[in-house]
Amino acid sequence: PEGVSERPERAASSRVPAPVAAAAARRLLDTLVEAYGSMLLGPGRVFQADPHPGNILVDATTARVGLLDFGQSKRLTVAQQGAFARLLLAMATAGDAPLSGVAAALTAEGRAEVVASLAALGVVTELTALGATCGRTEEALTVDTAFRMFDSRGRVQPFAPDSTLKMLSTKSFPPDLFFLLRTVQMLRGIATAAGCDDVSVAVRWKARARAAVARASGAG
């Protein structure tokens, strides 16, 4: 009928005060981060690898969050989980540093641990011609790459002039890790959409990562 919006749900959503919408988005993100920390770093090692918005259900009455469609699920091996957990712990030592400053925020030992943990996951990189002349060390570029792959802080722009993708190529990336990478990147995308660029899964998952490392050490 004339004068009636074709998309009444948009009209309704526009009446939600901005602070309320922001708080709701943050709560949703916090819940998802906690859920994925439990799945990725818990004893079961099984995780739903498709957290796009269409697979996230929110109960408007209780504000409970549910994940749908476990058709794309993956189970990490004990070794993979242990290596990922060690990488998270190394990256977490950068604290709340922005993505552009993580290499500088880490100690020499921290940078070395990030590089070693990335290698333990089976990710092998090498300098490109541009990387060899960019004025940064290969270690620093590798650290930046690790954060861009497996942490959620900051926005990643792969086609930016200073993108590490142009300076460091990936020679080897285990196929089994694709879903892990995809999951972290989707969480980053949700955080970006929610205006929460400061959220770092490495920092959020520290306690779970320590427990996973202890379990991997015991299994070994």
N, C-alpha and C. Protein backbone atom coordinates (compact mmCIF):
# COMPACT_ATOMS: atom_id res chain seq x y z
N PRO A 1 0.83 -1.20 0.00
CA PRO A 1 0.00 0.00 0.00
C PRO A 1 0.86 1.25 0.00
N GLU A 2 0.30 2.33 -0.55
CA GLU A 2 1.04 3.58 -0.63
C GLU A 2 1.39 4.08 0.76
N GLY A 3 2.63 4.53 0.89
CA GLY A 3 3.06 5.08 2.17
C GLY A 3 3.60 4.06 3.15
N VAL A 4 3.52 2.76 2.80
CA VAL A 4 4.04 1.71 3.66
C VAL A 4 5.40 1.26 3.15
N SER A 5 6.39 1.20 4.02
CA SER A 5 7.74 0.80 3.62
C SER A 5 7.75 -0.64 3.14
N GLU A 6 8.50 -0.90 2.06
CA GLU A 6 8.66 -2.26 1.58
C GLU A 6 9.56 -3.07 2.50
N ARG A 7 10.37 -2.41 3.30
CA ARG A 7 11.27 -3.10 4.22
C ARG A 7 11.03 -2.59 5.63
N PRO A 8 9.90 -2.99 6.24
CA PRO A 8 9.56 -2.45 7.57
C PRO A 8 10.60 -2.78 8.62
N GLU A 9 11.35 -3.90 8.43
CA GLU A 9 12.35 -4.23 9.44
C GLU A 9 13.46 -3.19 9.49
N ARG A 10 13.77 -2.57 8.35
CA ARG A 10 14.78 -1.52 8.35
C ARG A 10 14.29 -0.29 9.09
N ALA A 11 13.01 0.05 8.88
CA ALA A 11 12.46 1.20 9.59
C ALA A 11 12.49 0.96 11.09
N ALA A 12 12.17 -0.27 11.49
CA ALA A 12 12.18 -0.59 12.92
C ALA A 12 13.59 -0.51 13.48
N SER A 13 14.57 -1.07 12.72
CA SER A 13 15.94 -1.07 13.22
C SER A 13 16.51 0.32 13.33
N SER A 14 16.03 1.25 12.48
CA SER A 14 16.55 2.60 12.51
C SER A 14 16.14 3.33 13.78
N ARG A 15 15.13 2.81 14.48
CA ARG A 15 14.68 3.46 15.71
C ARG A 15 15.53 3.04 16.92
N VAL A 16 16.41 2.06 16.75
CA VAL A 16 17.26 1.63 17.86
C VAL A 16 18.34 2.69 18.08
N PRO A 17 18.44 3.23 19.28
CA PRO A 17 19.48 4.25 19.54
C PRO A 17 20.87 3.70 19.24
N ALA A 18 21.72 4.54 18.70
CA ALA A 18 23.07 4.12 18.31
C ALA A 18 23.84 3.48 19.46
N PRO A 19 23.81 4.04 20.67
CA PRO A 19 24.56 3.39 21.77
C PRO A 19 24.05 1.99 22.08
N VAL A 20 22.73 1.79 21.96
CA VAL A 20 22.16 0.47 22.22
C VAL A 20 22.60 -0.52 21.15
N ALA A 21 22.57 -0.08 19.89
CA ALA A 21 23.01 -0.94 18.78
C ALA A 21 24.48 -1.30 18.93
N ALA A 22 25.31 -0.33 19.33
CA ALA A 22 26.73 -0.59 19.50
C ALA A 22 26.98 -1.57 20.63
N ALA A 23 26.24 -1.41 21.73
CA ALA A 23 26.40 -2.33 22.87
C ALA A 23 25.96 -3.73 22.50
N ALA A 24 24.89 -3.84 21.72
CA ALA A 24 24.41 -5.15 21.29
C ALA A 24 25.41 -5.82 20.37
N ALA A 25 26.01 -5.05 19.46
CA ALA A 25 27.01 -5.60 18.55
C ALA A 25 28.23 -6.09 19.32
N ARG A 26 28.63 -5.32 20.32
CA ARG A 26 29.79 -5.71 21.13
C ARG A 26 29.49 -6.99 21.91
N ARG A 27 28.30 -7.08 22.45
CA ARG A 27 27.92 -8.27 23.21
C ARG A 27 27.90 -9.50 22.31
N LEU A 28 27.36 -9.34 21.11
CA LEU A 28 27.33 -10.45 20.16
C LEU A 28 28.75 -10.89 19.82
N LEU A 29 29.63 -9.93 19.56
CA LEU A 29 31.01 -10.25 19.23
C LEU A 29 31.70 -10.95 20.39
N ASP A 30 31.51 -10.44 21.59
CA ASP A 30 32.14 -11.07 22.77
C ASP A 30 31.68 -12.52 22.93
N THR A 31 30.40 -12.76 22.68
CA THR A 31 29.87 -14.11 22.80
C THR A 31 30.48 -15.04 21.75
N LEU A 32 30.59 -14.56 20.52
CA LEU A 32 31.18 -15.37 19.46
C LEU A 32 32.65 -15.67 19.73
N VAL A 33 33.39 -14.66 20.18
CA VAL A 33 34.81 -14.86 20.47
C VAL A 33 34.98 -15.90 21.57
N GLU A 34 34.14 -15.82 22.59
CA GLU A 34 34.22 -16.79 23.68
C GLU A 34 33.89 -18.19 23.18
N ALA A 35 32.85 -18.29 22.35
CA ALA A 35 32.43 -19.60 21.83
C ALA A 35 33.53 -20.23 20.98
N TYR A 36 34.16 -19.42 20.13
CA TYR A 36 35.19 -19.97 19.26
C TYR A 36 36.48 -20.27 20.02
N GLY A 37 36.75 -19.51 21.06
CA GLY A 37 37.89 -19.86 21.90
C GLY A 37 37.70 -21.22 22.54
N SER A 38 36.47 -21.49 22.97
CA SER A 38 36.15 -22.78 23.58
C SER A 38 36.29 -23.91 22.58
N MET A 39 35.81 -23.69 21.35
CA MET A 39 35.87 -24.74 20.33
C MET A 39 37.30 -24.99 19.85
N LEU A 40 38.00 -23.92 19.50
CA LEU A 40 39.33 -24.06 18.90
C LEU A 40 40.39 -24.54 19.89
N LEU A 41 40.24 -24.14 21.15
CA LEU A 41 41.29 -24.42 22.13
C LEU A 41 40.85 -25.37 23.23
N GLY A 42 39.63 -25.87 23.12
CA GLY A 42 39.14 -26.81 24.12
C GLY A 42 39.61 -28.23 23.86
N PRO A 43 39.34 -29.15 24.77
CA PRO A 43 39.80 -30.54 24.63
C PRO A 43 39.24 -31.24 23.39
N GLY A 44 38.03 -30.84 22.95
CA GLY A 44 37.43 -31.51 21.80
C GLY A 44 38.09 -31.17 20.48
N ARG A 45 38.60 -29.92 20.36
CA ARG A 45 39.33 -29.44 19.17
C ARG A 45 38.46 -29.38 17.91
N VAL A 46 37.12 -29.47 18.05
CA VAL A 46 36.21 -29.41 16.91
C VAL A 46 35.57 -28.02 16.87
N PHE A 47 35.51 -27.41 15.68
CA PHE A 47 34.91 -26.08 15.59
C PHE A 47 34.09 -25.93 14.32
N GLN A 48 33.05 -25.12 14.44
CA GLN A 48 32.24 -24.74 13.29
C GLN A 48 33.02 -23.68 12.54
N ALA A 49 33.29 -23.91 11.25
CA ALA A 49 34.22 -23.07 10.51
C ALA A 49 33.55 -22.10 9.55
N ASP A 50 32.29 -21.75 9.82
CA ASP A 50 31.56 -20.90 8.89
C ASP A 50 30.74 -19.85 9.63
N PRO A 51 31.40 -18.97 10.41
CA PRO A 51 30.66 -18.02 11.23
C PRO A 51 30.23 -16.75 10.50
N HIS A 52 29.66 -16.90 9.30
CA HIS A 52 29.17 -15.69 8.63
C HIS A 52 27.82 -15.30 9.25
N PRO A 53 27.39 -14.06 9.06
CA PRO A 53 26.17 -13.59 9.74
C PRO A 53 24.94 -14.46 9.51
N GLY A 54 24.83 -15.10 8.35
CA GLY A 54 23.68 -15.94 8.08
C GLY A 54 23.62 -17.19 8.94
N ASN A 55 24.75 -17.54 9.57
CA ASN A 55 24.79 -18.72 10.44
C ASN A 55 24.77 -18.36 11.91
N ILE A 56 24.44 -17.12 12.21
CA ILE A 56 24.38 -16.66 13.60
C ILE A 56 22.93 -16.29 13.91
N LEU A 57 22.38 -16.95 14.91
CA LEU A 57 20.99 -16.72 15.30
C LEU A 57 20.96 -16.06 16.68
N VAL A 58 20.24 -14.96 16.78
CA VAL A 58 20.11 -14.25 18.06
C VAL A 58 18.66 -14.27 18.49
N ASP A 59 18.41 -14.75 19.70
CA ASP A 59 17.06 -14.76 20.27
C ASP A 59 16.76 -13.35 20.79
N ALA A 60 15.82 -12.69 20.17
CA ALA A 60 15.52 -11.30 20.53
C ALA A 60 14.98 -11.17 21.95
N THR A 61 14.43 -12.25 22.49
CA THR A 61 13.86 -12.21 23.84
C THR A 61 14.92 -12.40 24.91
N THR A 62 15.79 -13.38 24.72
CA THR A 62 16.78 -13.70 25.74
C THR A 62 18.18 -13.19 25.41
N ALA A 63 18.39 -12.74 24.16
CA ALA A 63 19.70 -12.29 23.68
C ALA A 63 20.72 -13.42 23.62
N ARG A 64 20.23 -14.66 23.68
CA ARG A 64 21.14 -15.80 23.51
C ARG A 64 21.57 -15.90 22.05
N VAL A 65 22.80 -16.35 21.84
CA VAL A 65 23.36 -16.45 20.50
C VAL A 65 23.56 -17.92 20.15
N GLY A 66 23.13 -18.29 18.96
CA GLY A 66 23.30 -19.67 18.51
C GLY A 66 24.00 -19.72 17.16
N LEU A 67 24.74 -20.78 16.93
CA LEU A 67 25.40 -21.00 15.64
C LEU A 67 24.61 -22.05 14.86
N LEU A 68 24.40 -21.79 13.59
CA LEU A 68 23.69 -22.71 12.72
C LEU A 68 24.64 -23.34 11.72
N ASP A 69 24.24 -24.45 11.15
CA ASP A 69 24.92 -25.07 10.02
C ASP A 69 26.36 -25.49 10.36
N PHE A 70 26.48 -26.70 10.87
CA PHE A 70 27.78 -27.25 11.18
C PHE A 70 28.30 -28.13 10.04
N GLY A 71 27.82 -27.85 8.82
CA GLY A 71 28.28 -28.62 7.66
C GLY A 71 29.75 -28.39 7.38
N GLN A 72 30.24 -27.19 7.68
CA GLN A 72 31.67 -26.91 7.54
C GLN A 72 32.28 -26.89 8.94
N SER A 73 32.72 -28.04 9.36
CA SER A 73 33.36 -28.17 10.67
C SER A 73 34.72 -28.83 10.49
N LYS A 74 35.59 -28.61 11.44
CA LYS A 74 36.95 -29.13 11.35
C LYS A 74 37.43 -29.52 12.73
N ARG A 75 38.30 -30.51 12.77
CA ARG A 75 38.92 -30.89 14.04
C ARG A 75 40.43 -30.73 13.91
N LEU A 76 40.99 -29.93 14.80
CA LEU A 76 42.44 -29.76 14.83
C LEU A 76 43.09 -30.98 15.46
N THR A 77 44.28 -31.28 15.01
CA THR A 77 45.05 -32.32 15.70
C THR A 77 45.61 -31.72 16.99
N VAL A 78 46.07 -32.58 17.87
CA VAL A 78 46.69 -32.10 19.11
C VAL A 78 47.89 -31.21 18.79
N ALA A 79 48.69 -31.61 17.81
CA ALA A 79 49.87 -30.83 17.45
C ALA A 79 49.48 -29.47 16.86
N GLN A 80 48.46 -29.46 15.99
CA GLN A 80 48.01 -28.20 15.40
C GLN A 80 47.48 -27.26 16.47
N GLN A 81 46.67 -27.79 17.38
CA GLN A 81 46.13 -26.95 18.43
C GLN A 81 47.24 -26.40 19.32
N GLY A 82 48.22 -27.24 19.63
CA GLY A 82 49.33 -26.79 20.47
C GLY A 82 50.14 -25.70 19.80
N ALA A 83 50.42 -25.85 18.50
CA ALA A 83 51.18 -24.84 17.78
C ALA A 83 50.39 -23.54 17.66
N PHE A 84 49.09 -23.66 17.40
CA PHE A 84 48.24 -22.47 17.32
C PHE A 84 48.19 -21.77 18.67
N ALA A 85 48.08 -22.54 19.74
CA ALA A 85 48.02 -21.96 21.08
C ALA A 85 49.32 -21.22 21.41
N ARG A 86 50.45 -21.82 21.04
CA ARG A 86 51.73 -21.14 21.29
C ARG A 86 51.84 -19.85 20.48
N LEU A 87 51.34 -19.88 19.26
CA LEU A 87 51.34 -18.66 18.44
C LEU A 87 50.48 -17.58 19.08
N LEU A 88 49.30 -17.96 19.56
CA LEU A 88 48.43 -16.99 20.22
C LEU A 88 49.10 -16.38 21.45
N LEU A 89 49.75 -17.21 22.25
CA LEU A 89 50.41 -16.70 23.46
C LEU A 89 51.53 -15.73 23.10
N ALA A 90 52.27 -16.04 22.04
CA ALA A 90 53.34 -15.15 21.61
C ALA A 90 52.77 -13.83 21.10
N MET A 91 51.70 -13.90 20.32
CA MET A 91 51.10 -12.67 19.80
C MET A 91 50.45 -11.85 20.91
N ALA A 92 49.93 -12.51 21.92
CA ALA A 92 49.26 -11.81 23.01
C ALA A 92 50.20 -10.90 23.78
N THR A 93 51.50 -11.18 23.72
CA THR A 93 52.45 -10.34 24.45
C THR A 93 52.57 -8.95 23.83
N ALA A 94 51.98 -8.75 22.65
CA ALA A 94 51.94 -7.40 22.06
C ALA A 94 50.91 -6.53 22.74
N GLY A 95 50.12 -7.13 23.65
CA GLY A 95 49.13 -6.35 24.40
C GLY A 95 48.09 -5.74 23.49
N ASP A 96 47.78 -4.47 23.73
CA ASP A 96 46.75 -3.79 22.95
C ASP A 96 47.33 -2.95 21.83
N ALA A 97 48.55 -3.26 21.41
CA ALA A 97 49.18 -2.52 20.31
C ALA A 97 48.32 -2.61 19.05
N PRO A 98 48.23 -1.54 18.26
CA PRO A 98 47.48 -1.62 17.01
C PRO A 98 48.18 -2.56 16.03
N LEU A 99 47.44 -3.02 15.05
CA LEU A 99 48.01 -3.97 14.09
C LEU A 99 49.27 -3.43 13.44
N SER A 100 49.31 -2.14 13.16
CA SER A 100 50.47 -1.55 12.50
C SER A 100 51.72 -1.51 13.38
N GLY A 101 51.54 -1.73 14.70
CA GLY A 101 52.68 -1.61 15.60
C GLY A 101 53.02 -2.86 16.38
N VAL A 102 52.49 -4.01 15.94
CA VAL A 102 52.70 -5.23 16.74
C VAL A 102 54.16 -5.67 16.77
N ALA A 103 54.85 -5.57 15.65
CA ALA A 103 56.25 -6.02 15.62
C ALA A 103 57.10 -5.19 16.58
N ALA A 104 56.84 -3.89 16.62
CA ALA A 104 57.60 -3.02 17.52
C ALA A 104 57.21 -3.24 18.97
N ALA A 105 55.98 -3.69 19.22
CA ALA A 105 55.51 -3.89 20.59
C ALA A 105 56.07 -5.17 21.21
N LEU A 106 56.51 -6.11 20.39
CA LEU A 106 57.04 -7.37 20.89
C LEU A 106 58.52 -7.25 21.26
N THR A 107 58.94 -8.03 22.22
CA THR A 107 60.37 -8.14 22.51
C THR A 107 61.03 -8.98 21.42
N ALA A 108 62.35 -9.02 21.42
CA ALA A 108 63.07 -9.86 20.45
C ALA A 108 62.67 -11.32 20.63
N GLU A 109 62.53 -11.73 21.89
CA GLU A 109 62.12 -13.11 22.15
C GLU A 109 60.69 -13.36 21.66
N GLY A 110 59.83 -12.37 21.82
CA GLY A 110 58.46 -12.51 21.37
C GLY A 110 58.36 -12.63 19.86
N ARG A 111 59.13 -11.82 19.15
CA ARG A 111 59.14 -11.90 17.69
C ARG A 111 59.65 -13.26 17.22
N ALA A 112 60.70 -13.73 17.87
CA ALA A 112 61.25 -15.04 17.51
C ALA A 112 60.24 -16.15 17.76
N GLU A 113 59.48 -16.05 18.85
CA GLU A 113 58.48 -17.06 19.18
C GLU A 113 57.32 -17.04 18.18
N VAL A 114 56.91 -15.87 17.74
CA VAL A 114 55.86 -15.79 16.72
C VAL A 114 56.32 -16.46 15.44
N VAL A 115 57.53 -16.16 15.01
CA VAL A 115 58.07 -16.75 13.78
C VAL A 115 58.17 -18.27 13.91
N ALA A 116 58.68 -18.75 15.05
CA ALA A 116 58.85 -20.18 15.26
C ALA A 116 57.50 -20.89 15.32
N SER A 117 56.51 -20.27 15.97
CA SER A 117 55.19 -20.89 16.09
C SER A 117 54.47 -20.93 14.75
N LEU A 118 54.65 -19.91 13.94
CA LEU A 118 54.06 -19.92 12.60
C LEU A 118 54.66 -21.05 11.77
N ALA A 119 55.97 -21.23 11.89
CA ALA A 119 56.64 -22.33 11.18
C ALA A 119 56.16 -23.69 11.70
N ALA A 120 55.92 -23.78 13.01
CA ALA A 120 55.45 -25.03 13.60
C ALA A 120 54.07 -25.41 13.08
N LEU A 121 53.29 -24.42 12.69
CA LEU A 121 51.99 -24.68 12.08
C LEU A 121 52.12 -25.17 10.63
N GLY A 122 53.33 -25.03 10.09
CA GLY A 122 53.56 -25.46 8.71
C GLY A 122 53.45 -24.35 7.69
N VAL A 123 53.36 -23.09 8.16
CA VAL A 123 53.27 -21.95 7.25
C VAL A 123 54.68 -21.47 6.92
N VAL A 124 55.02 -21.54 5.64
CA VAL A 124 56.37 -21.17 5.19
C VAL A 124 56.26 -19.96 4.25
N THR A 125 57.03 -18.93 4.52
CA THR A 125 56.99 -17.72 3.71
C THR A 125 58.38 -17.39 3.17
N GLU A 126 58.41 -16.49 2.20
CA GLU A 126 59.69 -16.00 1.68
C GLU A 126 59.52 -14.58 1.17
N LEU A 127 60.61 -13.84 1.19
CA LEU A 127 60.58 -12.46 0.74
C LEU A 127 60.34 -12.38 -0.76
N THR A 128 59.55 -11.40 -1.17
CA THR A 128 59.41 -11.09 -2.58
C THR A 128 60.48 -10.04 -2.93
N ALA A 129 60.58 -9.68 -4.19
CA ALA A 129 61.54 -8.66 -4.60
C ALA A 129 61.22 -7.34 -3.90
N LEU A 130 59.95 -7.03 -3.77
CA LEU A 130 59.55 -5.81 -3.08
C LEU A 130 59.92 -5.88 -1.60
N GLY A 131 59.70 -7.04 -1.00
CA GLY A 131 60.03 -7.20 0.41
C GLY A 131 61.51 -7.06 0.69
N ALA A 132 62.32 -7.52 -0.23
CA ALA A 132 63.77 -7.46 -0.04
C ALA A 132 64.29 -6.03 -0.06
N THR A 133 63.53 -5.11 -0.63
CA THR A 133 63.99 -3.72 -0.74
C THR A 133 63.10 -2.74 0.04
N CYS A 134 62.23 -3.27 0.89
CA CYS A 134 61.27 -2.40 1.57
C CYS A 134 61.85 -1.72 2.81
N GLY A 135 63.02 -2.18 3.25
CA GLY A 135 63.64 -1.58 4.43
C GLY A 135 63.25 -2.22 5.74
N ARG A 136 62.44 -3.28 5.70
CA ARG A 136 62.06 -4.00 6.91
C ARG A 136 62.68 -5.38 6.89
N THR A 137 62.92 -5.93 8.07
CA THR A 137 63.51 -7.26 8.14
C THR A 137 62.48 -8.33 7.80
N GLU A 138 62.98 -9.49 7.39
CA GLU A 138 62.07 -10.59 7.10
C GLU A 138 61.33 -11.02 8.36
N GLU A 139 62.00 -10.96 9.50
CA GLU A 139 61.35 -11.32 10.75
C GLU A 139 60.16 -10.42 11.03
N ALA A 140 60.34 -9.11 10.87
CA ALA A 140 59.25 -8.17 11.14
C ALA A 140 58.08 -8.40 10.19
N LEU A 141 58.37 -8.67 8.93
CA LEU A 141 57.31 -8.94 7.96
C LEU A 141 56.58 -10.24 8.30
N THR A 142 57.33 -11.23 8.76
CA THR A 142 56.71 -12.51 9.13
C THR A 142 55.81 -12.33 10.35
N VAL A 143 56.24 -11.53 11.31
CA VAL A 143 55.41 -11.24 12.47
C VAL A 143 54.11 -10.57 12.04
N ASP A 144 54.22 -9.57 11.17
CA ASP A 144 53.02 -8.89 10.68
C ASP A 144 52.08 -9.86 9.98
N THR A 145 52.64 -10.75 9.19
CA THR A 145 51.84 -11.74 8.48
C THR A 145 51.11 -12.66 9.44
N ALA A 146 51.79 -13.10 10.50
CA ALA A 146 51.17 -13.97 11.50
C ALA A 146 49.96 -13.29 12.14
N PHE A 147 50.11 -12.02 12.50
CA PHE A 147 49.00 -11.29 13.11
C PHE A 147 47.85 -11.11 12.12
N ARG A 148 48.18 -10.87 10.87
CA ARG A 148 47.13 -10.68 9.87
C ARG A 148 46.40 -11.99 9.56
N MET A 149 47.09 -13.10 9.71
CA MET A 149 46.46 -14.39 9.45
C MET A 149 45.66 -14.90 10.64
N PHE A 150 46.23 -14.82 11.84
CA PHE A 150 45.68 -15.57 12.97
C PHE A 150 45.30 -14.73 14.18
N ASP A 151 45.23 -13.42 14.03
CA ASP A 151 44.67 -12.59 15.08
C ASP A 151 43.57 -11.74 14.45
N SER A 152 42.73 -11.15 15.28
CA SER A 152 41.58 -10.41 14.75
C SER A 152 41.70 -8.90 14.91
N ARG A 153 42.78 -8.42 15.52
CA ARG A 153 42.89 -6.98 15.75
C ARG A 153 43.09 -6.24 14.42
N GLY A 154 42.51 -5.05 14.34
CA GLY A 154 42.74 -4.17 13.20
C GLY A 154 42.05 -4.61 11.92
N ARG A 155 42.12 -3.72 10.94
CA ARG A 155 41.57 -4.01 9.62
C ARG A 155 42.69 -4.40 8.68
N VAL A 156 42.45 -5.40 7.89
CA VAL A 156 43.44 -5.87 6.93
C VAL A 156 43.03 -5.43 5.53
N GLN A 157 43.93 -4.75 4.84
CA GLN A 157 43.67 -4.30 3.48
C GLN A 157 44.74 -4.93 2.58
N PRO A 158 44.45 -6.10 2.02
CA PRO A 158 45.47 -6.84 1.27
C PRO A 158 46.03 -6.13 0.05
N PHE A 159 45.30 -5.15 -0.47
CA PHE A 159 45.77 -4.47 -1.68
C PHE A 159 46.37 -3.09 -1.40
N ALA A 160 46.55 -2.79 -0.11
CA ALA A 160 47.18 -1.53 0.26
C ALA A 160 48.65 -1.53 -0.16
N PRO A 161 49.24 -0.36 -0.42
CA PRO A 161 50.64 -0.30 -0.86
C PRO A 161 51.61 -0.97 0.09
N ASP A 162 51.32 -0.93 1.40
CA ASP A 162 52.23 -1.51 2.39
C ASP A 162 51.79 -2.89 2.86
N SER A 163 50.92 -3.54 2.11
CA SER A 163 50.45 -4.87 2.50
C SER A 163 51.60 -5.86 2.52
N THR A 164 51.64 -6.68 3.58
CA THR A 164 52.69 -7.68 3.66
C THR A 164 52.53 -8.75 2.59
N LEU A 165 51.34 -8.88 2.01
CA LEU A 165 51.14 -9.85 0.93
C LEU A 165 52.01 -9.52 -0.28
N LYS A 166 52.36 -8.25 -0.43
CA LYS A 166 53.21 -7.85 -1.54
C LYS A 166 54.69 -7.99 -1.22
N MET A 167 54.99 -8.16 0.05
CA MET A 167 56.38 -8.21 0.48
C MET A 167 56.82 -9.59 0.93
N LEU A 168 55.85 -10.44 1.24
CA LEU A 168 56.16 -11.78 1.74
C LEU A 168 55.17 -12.75 1.11
N SER A 169 55.68 -13.67 0.31
CA SER A 169 54.79 -14.66 -0.31
C SER A 169 54.72 -15.91 0.56
N THR A 170 53.61 -16.61 0.45
CA THR A 170 53.42 -17.84 1.22
C THR A 170 53.77 -19.03 0.34
N LYS A 171 54.87 -19.70 0.68
CA LYS A 171 55.32 -20.86 -0.10
C LYS A 171 54.52 -22.11 0.24
N SER A 172 54.16 -22.23 1.50
CA SER A 172 53.47 -23.44 1.94
C SER A 172 52.46 -23.08 3.01
N PHE A 173 51.22 -23.60 2.83
CA PHE A 173 50.17 -23.39 3.82
C PHE A 173 49.37 -24.69 3.89
N PRO A 174 49.46 -25.42 4.99
CA PRO A 174 48.77 -26.71 5.09
C PRO A 174 47.27 -26.58 4.81
N PRO A 175 46.72 -27.38 3.91
CA PRO A 175 45.28 -27.31 3.61
C PRO A 175 44.40 -27.45 4.84
N ASP A 176 44.84 -28.24 5.82
CA ASP A 176 44.04 -28.45 7.02
C ASP A 176 43.84 -27.17 7.81
N LEU A 177 44.72 -26.17 7.59
CA LEU A 177 44.62 -24.92 8.35
C LEU A 177 43.71 -23.89 7.68
N PHE A 178 43.22 -24.21 6.48
CA PHE A 178 42.41 -23.22 5.77
C PHE A 178 41.20 -22.81 6.59
N PHE A 179 40.52 -23.79 7.20
CA PHE A 179 39.32 -23.47 7.95
C PHE A 179 39.63 -22.67 9.21
N LEU A 180 40.78 -22.91 9.80
CA LEU A 180 41.21 -22.12 10.96
C LEU A 180 41.42 -20.67 10.54
N LEU A 181 42.15 -20.48 9.45
CA LEU A 181 42.39 -19.13 8.93
C LEU A 181 41.06 -18.45 8.59
N ARG A 182 40.20 -19.19 7.92
CA ARG A 182 38.91 -18.64 7.51
C ARG A 182 38.08 -18.20 8.71
N THR A 183 38.09 -19.00 9.75
CA THR A 183 37.31 -18.68 10.94
C THR A 183 37.80 -17.40 11.61
N VAL A 184 39.12 -17.28 11.76
CA VAL A 184 39.68 -16.08 12.40
C VAL A 184 39.38 -14.85 11.54
N GLN A 185 39.49 -14.98 10.22
CA GLN A 185 39.22 -13.84 9.36
C GLN A 185 37.75 -13.43 9.40
N MET A 186 36.85 -14.40 9.51
CA MET A 186 35.43 -14.06 9.64
C MET A 186 35.15 -13.35 10.95
N LEU A 187 35.81 -13.78 12.01
CA LEU A 187 35.67 -13.08 13.29
C LEU A 187 36.20 -11.65 13.17
N ARG A 188 37.30 -11.47 12.45
CA ARG A 188 37.82 -10.12 12.21
C ARG A 188 36.79 -9.29 11.43
N GLY A 189 36.17 -9.89 10.42
CA GLY A 189 35.18 -9.17 9.64
C GLY A 189 33.98 -8.74 10.47
N ILE A 190 33.53 -9.62 11.35
CA ILE A 190 32.41 -9.27 12.23
C ILE A 190 32.82 -8.15 13.18
N ALA A 191 34.05 -8.23 13.70
CA ALA A 191 34.54 -7.18 14.60
C ALA A 191 34.62 -5.84 13.87
N THR A 192 35.09 -5.87 12.63
CA THR A 192 35.19 -4.64 11.84
C THR A 192 33.80 -4.05 11.59
N ALA A 193 32.85 -4.91 11.22
CA ALA A 193 31.49 -4.45 10.96
C ALA A 193 30.85 -3.87 12.22
N ALA A 194 31.23 -4.42 13.38
CA ALA A 194 30.68 -3.95 14.65
C ALA A 194 31.41 -2.72 15.18
N GLY A 195 32.45 -2.28 14.47
CA GLY A 195 33.22 -1.14 14.93
C GLY A 195 34.11 -1.46 16.11
N CYS A 196 34.52 -2.73 16.22
CA CYS A 196 35.34 -3.18 17.36
C CYS A 196 36.71 -3.66 16.86
N ASP A 197 37.44 -2.77 16.20
CA ASP A 197 38.73 -3.15 15.63
C ASP A 197 39.78 -3.50 16.68
N ASP A 198 39.49 -3.18 17.94
CA ASP A 198 40.47 -3.41 18.99
C ASP A 198 40.44 -4.82 19.54
N VAL A 199 39.50 -5.64 19.10
CA VAL A 199 39.36 -6.99 19.67
C VAL A 199 40.45 -7.91 19.12
N SER A 200 41.20 -8.51 20.01
CA SER A 200 42.27 -9.44 19.65
C SER A 200 41.96 -10.81 20.22
N VAL A 201 41.78 -11.80 19.34
CA VAL A 201 41.53 -13.15 19.86
C VAL A 201 42.76 -13.69 20.58
N ALA A 202 43.94 -13.25 20.18
CA ALA A 202 45.16 -13.69 20.86
C ALA A 202 45.12 -13.29 22.33
N VAL A 203 44.68 -12.07 22.59
CA VAL A 203 44.59 -11.60 23.97
C VAL A 203 43.42 -12.26 24.68
N ARG A 204 42.28 -12.35 24.01
CA ARG A 204 41.08 -12.90 24.63
C ARG A 204 41.23 -14.39 24.98
N TRP A 205 42.02 -15.09 24.20
CA TRP A 205 42.11 -16.54 24.37
C TRP A 205 43.35 -16.99 25.14
N LYS A 206 44.02 -16.10 25.84
CA LYS A 206 45.27 -16.45 26.52
C LYS A 206 45.11 -17.62 27.48
N ALA A 207 44.11 -17.56 28.35
CA ALA A 207 43.94 -18.62 29.35
C ALA A 207 43.67 -19.96 28.67
N ARG A 208 42.83 -19.97 27.67
CA ARG A 208 42.54 -21.21 26.94
C ARG A 208 43.78 -21.71 26.20
N ALA A 209 44.56 -20.78 25.67
CA ALA A 209 45.78 -21.17 24.96
C ALA A 209 46.79 -21.82 25.89
N ARG A 210 46.92 -21.29 27.10
CA ARG A 210 47.83 -21.90 28.08
C ARG A 210 47.40 -23.34 28.40
N ALA A 211 46.09 -23.52 28.57
CA ALA A 211 45.58 -24.87 28.86
C ALA A 211 45.83 -25.81 27.70
N ALA A 212 45.67 -25.32 26.47
CA ALA A 212 45.91 -26.15 25.29
C ALA A 212 47.36 -26.54 25.16
N VAL A 213 48.26 -25.62 25.45
CA VAL A 213 49.70 -25.93 25.41
C VAL A 213 50.03 -26.99 26.45
N ALA A 214 49.45 -26.86 27.63
CA ALA A 214 49.70 -27.86 28.68
C ALA A 214 49.19 -29.24 28.26
N ARG A 215 48.03 -29.31 27.63
CA ARG A 215 47.51 -30.59 27.17
C ARG A 215 48.39 -31.18 26.07
N ALA A 216 48.83 -30.32 25.14
CA ALA A 216 49.69 -30.81 24.04
C ALA A 216 51.00 -31.31 24.59
N SER A 217 51.54 -30.63 25.60
CA SER A 217 52.81 -31.07 26.20
C SER A 217 52.62 -32.41 26.89
N GLY A 218 51.50 -32.57 27.57
CA GLY A 218 51.22 -33.84 28.24
C GLY A 218 51.02 -34.98 27.27
N ALA A 219 50.36 -34.68 26.13
CA ALA A 219 50.14 -35.72 25.12
C ALA A 219 51.42 -36.11 24.46
N GLY A 220 52.35 -35.11 24.36
CA GLY A 220 53.62 -35.40 23.69
C GLY A 220 54.53 -36.21 24.58
